[in-house]
Amino acid sequence: MDEQHVTHIVFQQYRTSSSYSERETATVSHLGIGAIRHLRVLGLIEGQETGGELRYSEEEVIQLRRIRRLQHDLGINLAGVEVILHLLKRLETVRQELEQEKNRAEGDHHEY
């Protein structure tokens, strides 16, 4: 019998000002510093240079965890990960646009 795996993707917005050092980021994302630097070079995360030290936001840590899960748990290569992340970003943009249109339509409806 084939075993089926179901992946759930949840969009959550995080509003936090926490930032992590490179070492902390590696620990909480379960990735090595070298892997994080490589993903930064590829443009999948940015990081902020603060006082000569790279720091990563909570959102970037979540992105790194997502990348790790796609690669290690689901076996997707880095090119596939890039495509998936691009599509997820586009999907979130479309979701936001639909929400704005819904709000605008509800506003127009209430004017009558």
C-alpha atoms as a PDB file:
ATOM      1  CA  MET A   1       0.000   0.000   0.000  1.00  0.00           C
ATOM      2  CA  ASP A   2       1.349   3.411  -0.961  1.00  0.00           C
ATOM      3  CA  GLU A   3       1.823   5.793   1.908  1.00  0.00           C
ATOM      4  CA  GLN A   4       0.484   9.250   1.164  1.00  0.00           C
ATOM      5  CA  HIS A   5       1.917  12.424   2.610  1.00  0.00           C
ATOM      6  CA  VAL A   6      -0.094  15.593   2.910  1.00  0.00           C
ATOM      7  CA  THR A   7       1.622  18.943   3.183  1.00  0.00           C
ATOM      8  CA  HIS A   8      -0.209  21.863   4.698  1.00  0.00           C
ATOM      9  CA  ILE A   9       0.964  25.377   3.963  1.00  0.00           C
ATOM     10  CA  VAL A  10      -0.191  27.977   6.427  1.00  0.00           C
ATOM     11  CA  PHE A  11       0.132  31.701   5.816  1.00  0.00           C
ATOM     12  CA  GLN A  12       0.657  33.618   9.000  1.00  0.00           C
ATOM     13  CA  GLN A  13       1.825  37.134   9.420  1.00  0.00           C
ATOM     14  CA  TYR A  14       4.360  37.665  12.122  1.00  0.00           C
ATOM     15  CA  ARG A  15       4.841  41.076  13.617  1.00  0.00           C
ATOM     16  CA  THR A  16       7.900  40.942  15.763  1.00  0.00           C
ATOM     17  CA  SER A  17      11.022  42.992  16.012  1.00  0.00           C
ATOM     18  CA  SER A  18      13.158  40.042  17.089  1.00  0.00           C
ATOM     19  CA  SER A  19      16.304  39.446  15.185  1.00  0.00           C
ATOM     20  CA  TYR A  20      18.758  36.615  15.406  1.00  0.00           C
ATOM     21  CA  SER A  21      22.509  36.447  15.061  1.00  0.00           C
ATOM     22  CA  GLU A  22      23.897  34.115  12.435  1.00  0.00           C
ATOM     23  CA  ARG A  23      24.621  31.458  15.067  1.00  0.00           C
ATOM     24  CA  GLU A  24      21.158  31.801  16.642  1.00  0.00           C
ATOM     25  CA  THR A  25      19.586  31.610  13.193  1.00  0.00           C
ATOM     26  CA  ALA A  26      21.477  28.412  12.458  1.00  0.00           C
ATOM     27  CA  THR A  27      20.304  26.903  15.733  1.00  0.00           C
ATOM     28  CA  VAL A  28      16.624  27.772  15.423  1.00  0.00           C
ATOM     29  CA  SER A  29      16.398  26.953  11.715  1.00  0.00           C
ATOM     30  CA  HIS A  30      18.356  23.685  12.025  1.00  0.00           C
ATOM     31  CA  LEU A  31      20.636  24.714   9.159  1.00  0.00           C
ATOM     32  CA  GLY A  32      24.366  25.267   9.145  1.00  0.00           C
ATOM     33  CA  ILE A  33      25.855  28.729   8.889  1.00  0.00           C
ATOM     34  CA  GLY A  34      27.344  27.822   5.510  1.00  0.00           C
ATOM     35  CA  ALA A  35      23.909  26.806   4.194  1.00  0.00           C
ATOM     36  CA  ILE A  36      22.397  30.046   5.469  1.00  0.00           C
ATOM     37  CA  ARG A  37      25.115  32.085   3.782  1.00  0.00           C
ATOM     38  CA  HIS A  38      24.564  30.172   0.542  1.00  0.00           C
ATOM     39  CA  LEU A  39      20.811  30.845   0.674  1.00  0.00           C
ATOM     40  CA  ARG A  40      21.592  34.505   1.277  1.00  0.00           C
ATOM     41  CA  VAL A  41      23.851  34.615  -1.801  1.00  0.00           C
ATOM     42  CA  LEU A  42      21.009  33.064  -3.817  1.00  0.00           C
ATOM     43  CA  GLY A  43      18.688  35.814  -2.594  1.00  0.00           C
ATOM     44  CA  LEU A  44      16.272  33.520  -0.767  1.00  0.00           C
ATOM     45  CA  ILE A  45      16.860  35.481   2.438  1.00  0.00           C
ATOM     46  CA  GLU A  46      18.425  38.893   2.968  1.00  0.00           C
ATOM     47  CA  GLY A  47      19.627  39.424   6.499  1.00  0.00           C
ATOM     48  CA  GLN A  48      20.543  42.825   7.885  1.00  0.00           C
ATOM     49  CA  GLU A  49      24.047  43.918   8.661  1.00  0.00           C
ATOM     50  CA  THR A  50      24.036  45.580  12.061  1.00  0.00           C
ATOM     51  CA  GLY A  51      27.267  46.682  13.655  1.00  0.00           C
ATOM     52  CA  GLY A  52      29.303  44.434  11.380  1.00  0.00           C
ATOM     53  CA  GLU A  53      27.149  41.414  12.252  1.00  0.00           C
ATOM     54  CA  LEU A  54      24.507  39.751  10.102  1.00  0.00           C
ATOM     55  CA  ARG A  55      21.123  39.476  11.788  1.00  0.00           C
ATOM     56  CA  TYR A  56      18.022  37.706  10.567  1.00  0.00           C
ATOM     57  CA  SER A  57      14.374  38.499  11.247  1.00  0.00           C
ATOM     58  CA  GLU A  58      11.766  36.117  12.595  1.00  0.00           C
ATOM     59  CA  GLU A  59      10.229  36.040   9.113  1.00  0.00           C
ATOM     60  CA  GLU A  60      13.564  34.980   7.612  1.00  0.00           C
ATOM     61  CA  VAL A  61      13.951  32.243  10.224  1.00  0.00           C
ATOM     62  CA  ILE A  62      10.504  30.967   9.243  1.00  0.00           C
ATOM     63  CA  GLN A  63      11.582  31.078   5.591  1.00  0.00           C
ATOM     64  CA  LEU A  64      14.727  29.089   6.442  1.00  0.00           C
ATOM     65  CA  ARG A  65      12.666  26.480   8.278  1.00  0.00           C
ATOM     66  CA  ARG A  66      10.378  26.241   5.249  1.00  0.00           C
ATOM     67  CA  ILE A  67      13.396  25.791   2.963  1.00  0.00           C
ATOM     68  CA  ARG A  68      14.812  23.100   5.236  1.00  0.00           C
ATOM     69  CA  ARG A  69      11.495  21.252   5.308  1.00  0.00           C
ATOM     70  CA  LEU A  70      11.120  21.394   1.542  1.00  0.00           C
ATOM     71  CA  GLN A  71      14.653  20.103   1.001  1.00  0.00           C
ATOM     72  CA  HIS A  72      15.175  17.632   3.810  1.00  0.00           C
ATOM     73  CA  ASP A  73      11.679  16.367   4.575  1.00  0.00           C
ATOM     74  CA  LEU A  74      10.164  16.469   1.099  1.00  0.00           C
ATOM     75  CA  GLY A  75      13.323  15.891  -0.983  1.00  0.00           C
ATOM     76  CA  ILE A  76      12.938  18.951  -3.213  1.00  0.00           C
ATOM     77  CA  ASN A  77      16.111  20.281  -4.789  1.00  0.00           C
ATOM     78  CA  LEU A  78      17.142  23.908  -4.435  1.00  0.00           C
ATOM     79  CA  ALA A  79      15.839  24.904  -7.870  1.00  0.00           C
ATOM     80  CA  GLY A  80      12.446  23.464  -6.937  1.00  0.00           C
ATOM     81  CA  VAL A  81      12.558  25.253  -3.596  1.00  0.00           C
ATOM     82  CA  GLU A  82      13.158  28.568  -5.382  1.00  0.00           C
ATOM     83  CA  VAL A  83      10.146  27.966  -7.645  1.00  0.00           C
ATOM     84  CA  ILE A  84       7.926  26.999  -4.707  1.00  0.00           C
ATOM     85  CA  LEU A  85       8.962  30.049  -2.681  1.00  0.00           C
ATOM     86  CA  HIS A  86       8.308  32.317  -5.666  1.00  0.00           C
ATOM     87  CA  LEU A  87       4.857  30.766  -6.152  1.00  0.00           C
ATOM     88  CA  LEU A  88       4.043  31.076  -2.444  1.00  0.00           C
ATOM     89  CA  LYS A  89       5.015  34.734  -2.521  1.00  0.00           C
ATOM     90  CA  ARG A  90       2.856  35.299  -5.601  1.00  0.00           C
ATOM     91  CA  LEU A  91      -0.033  33.416  -4.005  1.00  0.00           C
ATOM     92  CA  GLU A  92       0.181  35.630  -0.922  1.00  0.00           C
ATOM     93  CA  THR A  93       0.170  38.748  -3.129  1.00  0.00           C
ATOM     94  CA  VAL A  94      -2.940  37.515  -4.948  1.00  0.00           C
ATOM     95  CA  ARG A  95      -4.600  36.698  -1.612  1.00  0.00           C
ATOM     96  CA  GLN A  96      -3.924  40.242  -0.398  1.00  0.00           C
ATOM     97  CA  GLU A  97      -5.258  41.719  -3.643  1.00  0.00           C
ATOM     98  CA  LEU A  98      -8.434  39.643  -3.348  1.00  0.00           C
ATOM     99  CA  GLU A  99      -8.885  40.758   0.253  1.00  0.00           C
ATOM    100  CA  GLN A 100      -8.530  44.399  -0.823  1.00  0.00           C
ATOM    101  CA  GLU A 101     -11.081  43.907  -3.599  1.00  0.00           C
ATOM    102  CA  LYS A 102     -13.455  42.205  -1.171  1.00  0.00           C
ATOM    103  CA  ASN A 103     -13.129  45.086   1.278  1.00  0.00           C
ATOM    104  CA  ARG A 104     -13.629  47.614  -1.507  1.00  0.00           C
ATOM    105  CA  ALA A 105     -16.728  45.774  -2.764  1.00  0.00           C
ATOM    106  CA  GLU A 106     -18.172  45.600   0.748  1.00  0.00           C
ATOM    107  CA  GLY A 107     -17.546  49.334   1.125  1.00  0.00           C
ATOM    108  CA  ASP A 108     -19.333  50.039  -2.159  1.00  0.00           C
ATOM    109  CA  HIS A 109     -22.220  47.814  -1.134  1.00  0.00           C
ATOM    110  CA  HIS A 110     -22.717  49.628   2.166  1.00  0.00           C
ATOM    111  CA  GLU A 111     -22.931  53.023   0.472  1.00  0.00           C
ATOM    112  CA  TYR A 112     -26.388  52.249  -0.968  1.00  0.00           C
END
